[in-house]
Amino acid sequence: MTRALSPRERRLVALLILVALLALCWFVIVSPIVAGFAERAAARDALSLRYMHDLQTIAAIPRLRRQAEEERAALAPLILRVRGGDDAREWLKSRLQRTVEQSGGEWRDAVDAGAPPGWAGARADARLTEPQLVGVLKALQIGPPWLVVGRLTVVADGAAVPKDPSVLEVQVDVMVPIRAAAT
């Protein structure tokens, strides 16, 4: 049967019950409160970092705006401002024709060429000598808006004879970036 506990054993059992109650209070009451404080401190630190980042971003807005305006101004000579894609293609064709005729070449024809969105393209057919071809390519790339030569096809029948200014059949595709002009 069960025997009665001695006073020393009763104190030991009471101490163990007290320790268990203290551990229970710690894990149920104190630990969640301390964890909540730690979580809120971490959230405050994160918000503080975010606030500092936002202040730096806000302070950088005038500099970023100036930089964007400088880049826009630097891009202006590279982009053709027209009312539409048809106007841009017609401008390209006339520039090609003018350049070929100024070089002394024989102008044949110009047609629309495929181009990615935001670009206009044209294809020109001409008869040129080699020096005229070099002059045409240089002239196309000299003045703004600068053109991108997408494809150049040269048929050189009889051009294999040295020092013979034979005529080359040339087909050149050019593109230019476009932006709608303010009306």
N, C-alpha and C. Protein backbone atom coordinates (compact mmCIF):
# COMPACT_ATOMS: atom_id res chain seq x y z
N MET A 1 0.79 -1.15 0.00
CA MET A 1 0.00 0.00 0.00
C MET A 1 0.85 1.24 0.00
N THR A 2 0.19 2.32 -0.06
CA THR A 2 0.95 3.55 -0.17
C THR A 2 1.37 4.02 1.20
N ARG A 3 2.49 4.44 1.26
CA ARG A 3 2.99 4.92 2.54
C ARG A 3 3.00 6.43 2.54
N ALA A 4 3.01 7.03 3.60
CA ALA A 4 3.00 8.48 3.73
C ALA A 4 4.38 9.02 3.41
N LEU A 5 4.39 10.22 2.81
CA LEU A 5 5.66 10.83 2.42
C LEU A 5 6.28 11.53 3.61
N SER A 6 7.56 11.46 3.62
CA SER A 6 8.27 12.15 4.68
C SER A 6 8.26 13.64 4.38
N PRO A 7 8.54 14.49 5.38
CA PRO A 7 8.54 15.93 5.15
C PRO A 7 9.55 16.33 4.06
N ARG A 8 10.66 15.66 4.00
CA ARG A 8 11.65 15.98 2.97
C ARG A 8 11.09 15.66 1.58
N GLU A 9 10.44 14.52 1.40
CA GLU A 9 9.87 14.14 0.12
C GLU A 9 8.74 15.09 -0.26
N ARG A 10 7.95 15.53 0.75
CA ARG A 10 6.86 16.47 0.46
C ARG A 10 7.41 17.80 -0.04
N ARG A 11 8.50 18.25 0.53
CA ARG A 11 9.12 19.49 0.06
C ARG A 11 9.65 19.32 -1.36
N LEU A 12 10.23 18.16 -1.64
CA LEU A 12 10.75 17.89 -2.96
C LEU A 12 9.62 17.84 -4.00
N VAL A 13 8.52 17.20 -3.68
CA VAL A 13 7.36 17.14 -4.58
C VAL A 13 6.80 18.54 -4.77
N ALA A 14 6.70 19.32 -3.68
CA ALA A 14 6.20 20.68 -3.77
C ALA A 14 7.11 21.53 -4.65
N LEU A 15 8.42 21.34 -4.53
CA LEU A 15 9.38 22.07 -5.36
C LEU A 15 9.24 21.69 -6.82
N LEU A 16 9.04 20.39 -7.10
CA LEU A 16 8.86 19.95 -8.48
C LEU A 16 7.56 20.51 -9.06
N ILE A 17 6.50 20.55 -8.27
CA ILE A 17 5.24 21.13 -8.74
C ILE A 17 5.41 22.62 -9.00
N LEU A 18 6.16 23.30 -8.13
CA LEU A 18 6.42 24.74 -8.32
C LEU A 18 7.23 24.98 -9.59
N VAL A 19 8.25 24.17 -9.84
CA VAL A 19 9.06 24.31 -11.06
C VAL A 19 8.20 24.05 -12.30
N ALA A 20 7.32 23.03 -12.23
CA ALA A 20 6.43 22.73 -13.36
C ALA A 20 5.48 23.89 -13.61
N LEU A 21 4.94 24.49 -12.54
CA LEU A 21 4.05 25.64 -12.71
C LEU A 21 4.80 26.84 -13.30
N LEU A 22 6.02 27.06 -12.82
CA LEU A 22 6.82 28.15 -13.38
C LEU A 22 7.13 27.92 -14.86
N ALA A 23 7.48 26.69 -15.24
CA ALA A 23 7.75 26.37 -16.65
C ALA A 23 6.49 26.56 -17.48
N LEU A 24 5.34 26.11 -16.93
CA LEU A 24 4.08 26.27 -17.64
C LEU A 24 3.77 27.75 -17.84
N CYS A 25 3.95 28.56 -16.80
CA CYS A 25 3.74 30.01 -16.92
C CYS A 25 4.69 30.63 -17.94
N TRP A 26 5.94 30.18 -17.93
CA TRP A 26 6.91 30.71 -18.88
C TRP A 26 6.48 30.42 -20.32
N PHE A 27 6.15 29.16 -20.63
CA PHE A 27 5.82 28.77 -22.00
C PHE A 27 4.45 29.27 -22.45
N VAL A 28 3.52 29.46 -21.53
CA VAL A 28 2.17 29.86 -21.90
C VAL A 28 2.01 31.37 -21.88
N ILE A 29 2.64 32.05 -20.95
CA ILE A 29 2.39 33.48 -20.79
C ILE A 29 3.59 34.33 -21.20
N VAL A 30 4.74 34.10 -20.60
CA VAL A 30 5.89 34.98 -20.78
C VAL A 30 6.51 34.82 -22.17
N SER A 31 6.71 33.61 -22.63
CA SER A 31 7.38 33.37 -23.92
C SER A 31 6.63 34.01 -25.09
N PRO A 32 5.30 33.88 -25.20
CA PRO A 32 4.61 34.56 -26.31
C PRO A 32 4.73 36.08 -26.23
N ILE A 33 4.73 36.63 -25.03
CA ILE A 33 4.87 38.08 -24.90
C ILE A 33 6.25 38.52 -25.35
N VAL A 34 7.28 37.80 -24.91
CA VAL A 34 8.66 38.14 -25.33
C VAL A 34 8.81 37.97 -26.85
N ALA A 35 8.23 36.88 -27.40
CA ALA A 35 8.31 36.66 -28.85
C ALA A 35 7.60 37.79 -29.60
N GLY A 36 6.46 38.25 -29.07
CA GLY A 36 5.74 39.36 -29.70
C GLY A 36 6.58 40.63 -29.72
N PHE A 37 7.28 40.89 -28.60
CA PHE A 37 8.17 42.05 -28.56
C PHE A 37 9.27 41.92 -29.61
N ALA A 38 9.85 40.73 -29.73
CA ALA A 38 10.93 40.51 -30.70
C ALA A 38 10.42 40.67 -32.13
N GLU A 39 9.22 40.13 -32.40
CA GLU A 39 8.65 40.27 -33.75
C GLU A 39 8.37 41.72 -34.08
N ARG A 40 7.81 42.46 -33.13
CA ARG A 40 7.53 43.87 -33.37
C ARG A 40 8.82 44.67 -33.53
N ALA A 41 9.86 44.31 -32.79
CA ALA A 41 11.16 44.99 -32.95
C ALA A 41 11.73 44.72 -34.35
N ALA A 42 11.62 43.48 -34.81
CA ALA A 42 12.10 43.15 -36.16
C ALA A 42 11.28 43.89 -37.21
N ALA A 43 9.97 43.97 -37.01
CA ALA A 43 9.11 44.69 -37.96
C ALA A 43 9.45 46.18 -37.96
N ARG A 44 9.72 46.75 -36.76
CA ARG A 44 10.12 48.16 -36.69
C ARG A 44 11.43 48.39 -37.44
N ASP A 45 12.39 47.46 -37.28
CA ASP A 45 13.66 47.59 -37.99
C ASP A 45 13.45 47.53 -39.51
N ALA A 46 12.59 46.60 -39.95
CA ALA A 46 12.31 46.48 -41.38
C ALA A 46 11.62 47.74 -41.89
N LEU A 47 10.67 48.27 -41.13
CA LEU A 47 9.99 49.50 -41.53
C LEU A 47 10.95 50.68 -41.55
N SER A 48 11.86 50.71 -40.59
CA SER A 48 12.85 51.78 -40.55
C SER A 48 13.76 51.73 -41.78
N LEU A 49 14.19 50.52 -42.14
CA LEU A 49 15.01 50.39 -43.36
C LEU A 49 14.22 50.79 -44.60
N ARG A 50 12.96 50.38 -44.67
CA ARG A 50 12.12 50.74 -45.81
C ARG A 50 11.92 52.25 -45.86
N TYR A 51 11.71 52.86 -44.71
CA TYR A 51 11.54 54.31 -44.65
C TYR A 51 12.79 55.03 -45.14
N MET A 52 13.97 54.56 -44.70
CA MET A 52 15.23 55.18 -45.15
C MET A 52 15.39 55.01 -46.67
N HIS A 53 15.07 53.82 -47.18
CA HIS A 53 15.15 53.58 -48.62
C HIS A 53 14.21 54.52 -49.37
N ASP A 54 12.98 54.66 -48.88
CA ASP A 54 12.01 55.54 -49.52
C ASP A 54 12.47 57.00 -49.49
N LEU A 55 13.08 57.42 -48.37
CA LEU A 55 13.61 58.79 -48.31
C LEU A 55 14.71 59.00 -49.34
N GLN A 56 15.59 58.02 -49.50
CA GLN A 56 16.65 58.13 -50.50
C GLN A 56 16.07 58.15 -51.91
N THR A 57 15.05 57.35 -52.15
CA THR A 57 14.42 57.34 -53.47
C THR A 57 13.75 58.67 -53.76
N ILE A 58 13.04 59.21 -52.77
CA ILE A 58 12.39 60.51 -52.95
C ILE A 58 13.43 61.60 -53.18
N ALA A 59 14.53 61.53 -52.46
CA ALA A 59 15.59 62.54 -52.63
C ALA A 59 16.24 62.42 -54.01
N ALA A 60 16.21 61.22 -54.61
CA ALA A 60 16.84 61.02 -55.91
C ALA A 60 15.95 61.40 -57.08
N ILE A 61 14.69 61.70 -56.83
CA ILE A 61 13.76 62.00 -57.93
C ILE A 61 14.24 63.16 -58.81
N PRO A 62 14.66 64.28 -58.27
CA PRO A 62 15.12 65.36 -59.16
C PRO A 62 16.31 64.94 -60.02
N ARG A 63 17.24 64.20 -59.43
CA ARG A 63 18.41 63.74 -60.19
C ARG A 63 17.98 62.77 -61.29
N LEU A 64 17.07 61.84 -60.95
CA LEU A 64 16.60 60.88 -61.95
C LEU A 64 15.81 61.57 -63.05
N ARG A 65 15.05 62.60 -62.69
CA ARG A 65 14.29 63.35 -63.69
C ARG A 65 15.24 64.07 -64.65
N ARG A 66 16.29 64.72 -64.10
CA ARG A 66 17.27 65.39 -64.94
C ARG A 66 17.97 64.39 -65.86
N GLN A 67 18.32 63.24 -65.30
CA GLN A 67 18.99 62.20 -66.09
C GLN A 67 18.07 61.71 -67.22
N ALA A 68 16.79 61.52 -66.93
CA ALA A 68 15.85 61.07 -67.96
C ALA A 68 15.70 62.12 -69.05
N GLU A 69 15.66 63.39 -68.66
CA GLU A 69 15.54 64.46 -69.65
C GLU A 69 16.80 64.56 -70.51
N GLU A 70 17.97 64.37 -69.89
CA GLU A 70 19.22 64.37 -70.67
C GLU A 70 19.24 63.21 -71.66
N GLU A 71 18.79 62.03 -71.22
CA GLU A 71 18.76 60.88 -72.11
C GLU A 71 17.75 61.10 -73.23
N ARG A 72 16.61 61.68 -72.91
CA ARG A 72 15.61 61.98 -73.94
C ARG A 72 16.17 62.96 -74.96
N ALA A 73 16.91 63.97 -74.47
CA ALA A 73 17.51 64.94 -75.38
C ALA A 73 18.60 64.30 -76.23
N ALA A 74 19.34 63.36 -75.65
CA ALA A 74 20.39 62.68 -76.41
C ALA A 74 19.79 61.75 -77.46
N LEU A 75 18.61 61.21 -77.20
CA LEU A 75 17.96 60.32 -78.16
C LEU A 75 17.24 61.07 -79.28
N ALA A 76 16.94 62.34 -79.06
CA ALA A 76 16.16 63.11 -80.04
C ALA A 76 16.75 63.07 -81.44
N PRO A 77 18.07 63.23 -81.63
CA PRO A 77 18.58 63.18 -83.01
C PRO A 77 18.51 61.79 -83.64
N LEU A 78 18.34 60.77 -82.82
CA LEU A 78 18.34 59.41 -83.34
C LEU A 78 16.96 58.96 -83.80
N ILE A 79 15.93 59.68 -83.41
CA ILE A 79 14.55 59.26 -83.66
C ILE A 79 13.89 60.24 -84.62
N LEU A 80 13.20 59.68 -85.61
CA LEU A 80 12.46 60.48 -86.58
C LEU A 80 11.08 60.78 -86.01
N ARG A 81 10.73 62.06 -85.93
CA ARG A 81 9.41 62.44 -85.44
C ARG A 81 8.51 62.71 -86.64
N VAL A 82 7.47 61.88 -86.78
CA VAL A 82 6.53 62.00 -87.89
C VAL A 82 5.12 61.78 -87.38
N ARG A 83 4.14 62.07 -88.27
CA ARG A 83 2.74 61.86 -87.89
C ARG A 83 2.36 60.39 -87.89
N GLY A 84 3.01 59.58 -88.72
CA GLY A 84 2.65 58.16 -88.80
C GLY A 84 3.71 57.37 -89.54
N GLY A 85 3.49 56.05 -89.58
CA GLY A 85 4.45 55.17 -90.23
C GLY A 85 4.55 55.41 -91.72
N ASP A 86 3.44 55.79 -92.37
CA ASP A 86 3.48 56.05 -93.81
C ASP A 86 4.36 57.26 -94.11
N ASP A 87 4.23 58.30 -93.32
CA ASP A 87 5.08 59.49 -93.51
C ASP A 87 6.55 59.13 -93.33
N ALA A 88 6.84 58.29 -92.36
CA ALA A 88 8.23 57.91 -92.10
C ALA A 88 8.79 57.11 -93.28
N ARG A 89 8.00 56.18 -93.81
CA ARG A 89 8.47 55.39 -94.96
C ARG A 89 8.69 56.28 -96.19
N GLU A 90 7.80 57.23 -96.40
CA GLU A 90 7.97 58.15 -97.53
C GLU A 90 9.21 59.02 -97.34
N TRP A 91 9.45 59.46 -96.10
CA TRP A 91 10.65 60.25 -95.81
C TRP A 91 11.90 59.42 -96.09
N LEU A 92 11.88 58.14 -95.68
CA LEU A 92 13.02 57.25 -95.93
C LEU A 92 13.26 57.08 -97.41
N LYS A 93 12.20 56.84 -98.17
CA LYS A 93 12.35 56.65 -99.62
C LYS A 93 12.93 57.89 -100.28
N SER A 94 12.43 59.07 -99.89
CA SER A 94 12.97 60.30 -100.49
C SER A 94 14.42 60.53 -100.09
N ARG A 95 14.77 60.19 -98.86
CA ARG A 95 16.18 60.34 -98.45
C ARG A 95 17.06 59.38 -99.21
N LEU A 96 16.60 58.15 -99.40
CA LEU A 96 17.38 57.18 -100.19
C LEU A 96 17.55 57.68 -101.62
N GLN A 97 16.46 58.14 -102.23
CA GLN A 97 16.54 58.61 -103.61
C GLN A 97 17.48 59.81 -103.72
N ARG A 98 17.34 60.76 -102.82
CA ARG A 98 18.19 61.95 -102.83
C ARG A 98 19.66 61.57 -102.67
N THR A 99 19.95 60.62 -101.78
CA THR A 99 21.33 60.21 -101.53
C THR A 99 21.92 59.51 -102.74
N VAL A 100 21.14 58.62 -103.36
CA VAL A 100 21.64 57.90 -104.55
C VAL A 100 21.88 58.88 -105.68
N GLU A 101 20.95 59.79 -105.91
CA GLU A 101 21.10 60.75 -107.01
C GLU A 101 22.25 61.71 -106.77
N GLN A 102 22.48 62.12 -105.51
CA GLN A 102 23.60 63.02 -105.20
C GLN A 102 24.94 62.33 -105.41
N SER A 103 24.97 61.00 -105.26
CA SER A 103 26.22 60.29 -105.45
C SER A 103 26.50 60.03 -106.94
N GLY A 104 25.52 60.31 -107.80
CA GLY A 104 25.70 60.08 -109.23
C GLY A 104 25.19 58.73 -109.69
N GLY A 105 24.53 58.00 -108.83
CA GLY A 105 24.01 56.69 -109.18
C GLY A 105 22.67 56.79 -109.90
N GLU A 106 22.23 55.65 -110.40
CA GLU A 106 20.95 55.60 -111.11
C GLU A 106 19.89 55.03 -110.17
N TRP A 107 18.88 55.83 -109.90
CA TRP A 107 17.79 55.44 -109.00
C TRP A 107 16.84 54.52 -109.75
N ARG A 108 16.45 53.42 -109.13
CA ARG A 108 15.52 52.48 -109.74
C ARG A 108 14.15 52.58 -109.09
N ASP A 109 14.05 52.16 -107.83
CA ASP A 109 12.74 52.08 -107.18
C ASP A 109 12.93 52.01 -105.68
N ALA A 110 11.86 52.30 -104.96
CA ALA A 110 11.85 52.14 -103.50
C ALA A 110 10.51 51.57 -103.10
N VAL A 111 10.54 50.64 -102.15
CA VAL A 111 9.31 50.03 -101.64
C VAL A 111 9.40 49.99 -100.11
N ASP A 112 8.25 49.76 -99.50
CA ASP A 112 8.23 49.61 -98.04
C ASP A 112 8.91 48.31 -97.66
N ALA A 113 9.64 48.32 -96.58
CA ALA A 113 10.30 47.11 -96.06
C ALA A 113 9.79 46.85 -94.65
N GLY A 114 9.82 45.61 -94.26
CA GLY A 114 9.38 45.25 -92.91
C GLY A 114 10.30 45.85 -91.85
N ALA A 115 9.69 46.22 -90.74
CA ALA A 115 10.46 46.79 -89.64
C ALA A 115 9.75 46.43 -88.34
N PRO A 116 10.50 46.32 -87.25
CA PRO A 116 9.86 46.02 -85.96
C PRO A 116 8.98 47.19 -85.50
N PRO A 117 8.11 46.96 -84.54
CA PRO A 117 7.27 48.06 -84.03
C PRO A 117 8.13 49.21 -83.53
N GLY A 118 7.69 50.42 -83.83
CA GLY A 118 8.43 51.62 -83.43
C GLY A 118 9.50 52.01 -84.44
N TRP A 119 9.56 51.30 -85.54
CA TRP A 119 10.54 51.58 -86.60
C TRP A 119 9.80 51.69 -87.92
N ALA A 120 10.41 52.39 -88.87
CA ALA A 120 9.92 52.43 -90.24
C ALA A 120 11.04 51.91 -91.13
N GLY A 121 10.65 51.17 -92.18
CA GLY A 121 11.66 50.59 -93.06
C GLY A 121 11.34 50.84 -94.52
N ALA A 122 12.38 50.91 -95.34
CA ALA A 122 12.23 51.08 -96.78
C ALA A 122 13.36 50.32 -97.47
N ARG A 123 13.06 49.87 -98.70
CA ARG A 123 14.05 49.15 -99.51
C ARG A 123 14.22 49.93 -100.81
N ALA A 124 15.48 50.14 -101.19
CA ALA A 124 15.78 50.90 -102.40
C ALA A 124 16.57 50.03 -103.37
N ASP A 125 16.28 50.19 -104.66
CA ASP A 125 17.03 49.53 -105.73
C ASP A 125 17.71 50.63 -106.53
N ALA A 126 19.00 50.42 -106.79
CA ALA A 126 19.76 51.42 -107.54
C ALA A 126 20.89 50.74 -108.29
N ARG A 127 21.46 51.48 -109.25
CA ARG A 127 22.66 51.04 -109.97
C ARG A 127 23.77 52.01 -109.60
N LEU A 128 24.84 51.47 -109.04
CA LEU A 128 25.93 52.31 -108.54
C LEU A 128 27.27 51.66 -108.88
N THR A 129 28.30 52.50 -108.96
CA THR A 129 29.66 51.97 -109.02
C THR A 129 30.10 51.74 -107.58
N GLU A 130 31.24 51.10 -107.43
CA GLU A 130 31.71 50.81 -106.07
C GLU A 130 31.97 52.09 -105.27
N PRO A 131 32.67 53.09 -105.84
CA PRO A 131 32.86 54.33 -105.07
C PRO A 131 31.53 55.03 -104.74
N GLN A 132 30.59 54.97 -105.67
CA GLN A 132 29.28 55.57 -105.39
C GLN A 132 28.58 54.82 -104.25
N LEU A 133 28.68 53.49 -104.23
CA LEU A 133 28.07 52.70 -103.16
C LEU A 133 28.66 53.08 -101.81
N VAL A 134 29.98 53.21 -101.76
CA VAL A 134 30.63 53.62 -100.50
C VAL A 134 30.14 55.01 -100.10
N GLY A 135 30.03 55.91 -101.06
CA GLY A 135 29.54 57.25 -100.76
C GLY A 135 28.10 57.26 -100.26
N VAL A 136 27.25 56.42 -100.88
CA VAL A 136 25.86 56.34 -100.45
C VAL A 136 25.77 55.83 -99.02
N LEU A 137 26.51 54.77 -98.71
CA LEU A 137 26.46 54.21 -97.35
C LEU A 137 26.97 55.21 -96.32
N LYS A 138 28.02 55.95 -96.67
CA LYS A 138 28.51 56.98 -95.74
C LYS A 138 27.48 58.07 -95.54
N ALA A 139 26.87 58.51 -96.65
CA ALA A 139 25.90 59.61 -96.57
C ALA A 139 24.67 59.19 -95.76
N LEU A 140 24.28 57.95 -95.86
CA LEU A 140 23.10 57.49 -95.11
C LEU A 140 23.36 57.49 -93.61
N GLN A 141 24.62 57.37 -93.22
CA GLN A 141 24.93 57.26 -91.81
C GLN A 141 25.50 58.55 -91.21
N ILE A 142 25.52 59.62 -91.99
CA ILE A 142 26.13 60.86 -91.48
C ILE A 142 25.14 61.70 -90.69
N GLY A 143 24.01 62.04 -91.28
CA GLY A 143 23.14 63.00 -90.64
C GLY A 143 22.04 62.38 -89.80
N PRO A 144 21.61 63.11 -88.79
CA PRO A 144 20.51 62.62 -87.98
C PRO A 144 19.19 62.74 -88.74
N PRO A 145 18.23 61.95 -88.47
CA PRO A 145 18.30 60.75 -87.66
C PRO A 145 19.10 59.67 -88.38
N TRP A 146 19.98 59.01 -87.63
CA TRP A 146 20.84 58.01 -88.23
C TRP A 146 20.03 56.78 -88.59
N LEU A 147 20.34 56.25 -89.74
CA LEU A 147 19.61 55.10 -90.25
C LEU A 147 20.36 53.82 -89.92
N VAL A 148 19.63 52.74 -89.83
CA VAL A 148 20.22 51.43 -89.61
C VAL A 148 20.09 50.68 -90.93
N VAL A 149 21.22 50.26 -91.47
CA VAL A 149 21.20 49.46 -92.70
C VAL A 149 20.94 48.02 -92.27
N GLY A 150 19.76 47.53 -92.62
CA GLY A 150 19.37 46.19 -92.20
C GLY A 150 19.91 45.11 -93.13
N ARG A 151 19.97 45.42 -94.42
CA ARG A 151 20.41 44.43 -95.40
C ARG A 151 20.95 45.17 -96.61
N LEU A 152 22.02 44.64 -97.17
CA LEU A 152 22.62 45.21 -98.38
C LEU A 152 22.90 44.05 -99.32
N THR A 153 22.30 44.11 -100.50
CA THR A 153 22.52 43.09 -101.51
C THR A 153 23.19 43.75 -102.71
N VAL A 154 24.30 43.17 -103.15
CA VAL A 154 25.04 43.72 -104.28
C VAL A 154 25.21 42.61 -105.32
N VAL A 155 24.78 42.89 -106.54
CA VAL A 155 25.01 41.97 -107.66
C VAL A 155 26.03 42.65 -108.54
N ALA A 156 27.17 41.99 -108.71
CA ALA A 156 28.30 42.62 -109.39
C ALA A 156 28.64 41.84 -110.65
N ASP A 157 27.79 41.87 -111.65
CA ASP A 157 28.10 41.22 -112.93
C ASP A 157 29.21 42.00 -113.62
N GLY A 158 30.29 41.32 -113.91
CA GLY A 158 31.40 41.96 -114.61
C GLY A 158 32.27 42.82 -113.72
N ALA A 159 32.09 42.79 -112.42
CA ALA A 159 32.88 43.63 -111.53
C ALA A 159 34.20 42.97 -111.16
N ALA A 160 34.44 41.77 -111.67
CA ALA A 160 35.67 41.08 -111.32
C ALA A 160 36.88 41.62 -112.08
N VAL A 161 36.65 42.41 -113.11
CA VAL A 161 37.75 42.98 -113.88
C VAL A 161 38.35 44.15 -113.09
N PRO A 162 39.65 44.09 -112.78
CA PRO A 162 40.25 45.17 -111.99
C PRO A 162 40.24 46.49 -112.76
N LYS A 163 40.13 47.54 -112.04
CA LYS A 163 40.16 48.92 -112.54
C LYS A 163 39.04 49.19 -113.55
N ASP A 164 37.98 48.40 -113.49
CA ASP A 164 36.84 48.61 -114.37
C ASP A 164 35.70 49.15 -113.52
N PRO A 165 35.30 50.39 -113.75
CA PRO A 165 34.23 50.95 -112.94
C PRO A 165 32.87 50.37 -113.35
N SER A 166 32.73 49.07 -113.17
CA SER A 166 31.48 48.43 -113.58
C SER A 166 30.35 48.82 -112.64
N VAL A 167 29.17 48.72 -113.16
CA VAL A 167 27.98 49.12 -112.42
C VAL A 167 27.48 47.94 -111.59
N LEU A 168 27.12 48.23 -110.33
CA LEU A 168 26.62 47.23 -109.41
C LEU A 168 25.11 47.42 -109.24
N GLU A 169 24.40 46.31 -109.24
CA GLU A 169 22.98 46.35 -108.89
C GLU A 169 22.90 46.26 -107.37
N VAL A 170 22.35 47.27 -106.74
CA VAL A 170 22.35 47.36 -105.29
C VAL A 170 20.91 47.41 -104.77
N GLN A 171 20.69 46.65 -103.72
CA GLN A 171 19.41 46.71 -103.01
C GLN A 171 19.75 46.90 -101.53
N VAL A 172 19.24 47.96 -100.95
CA VAL A 172 19.57 48.27 -99.55
C VAL A 172 18.27 48.47 -98.76
N ASP A 173 18.22 47.82 -97.59
CA ASP A 173 17.11 48.00 -96.66
C ASP A 173 17.59 48.87 -95.51
N VAL A 174 16.85 49.93 -95.24
CA VAL A 174 17.22 50.80 -94.12
C VAL A 174 16.01 50.95 -93.19
N MET A 175 16.32 51.22 -91.92
CA MET A 175 15.28 51.43 -90.91
C MET A 175 15.66 52.63 -90.08
N VAL A 176 14.64 53.24 -89.51
CA VAL A 176 14.85 54.37 -88.62
C VAL A 176 13.82 54.28 -87.49
N PRO A 177 14.23 54.55 -86.25
CA PRO A 177 13.23 54.56 -85.17
C PRO A 177 12.32 55.78 -85.31
N ILE A 178 11.05 55.59 -85.03
CA ILE A 178 10.10 56.69 -85.18
C ILE A 178 9.34 56.92 -83.87
N ARG A 179 8.88 58.13 -83.75
CA ARG A 179 8.02 58.51 -82.63
C ARG A 179 6.99 59.49 -83.17
N ALA A 180 5.78 59.36 -82.71
CA ALA A 180 4.72 60.25 -83.19
C ALA A 180 5.01 61.68 -82.77
N ALA A 181 4.90 62.58 -83.73
CA ALA A 181 5.14 64.00 -83.45
C ALA A 181 3.92 64.58 -82.75
N ALA A 182 4.16 65.54 -81.90
CA ALA A 182 3.07 66.23 -81.22
C ALA A 182 2.32 67.09 -82.23
N THR A 183 1.02 66.96 -82.23
CA THR A 183 0.23 67.74 -83.19
C THR A 183 -0.36 68.96 -82.56
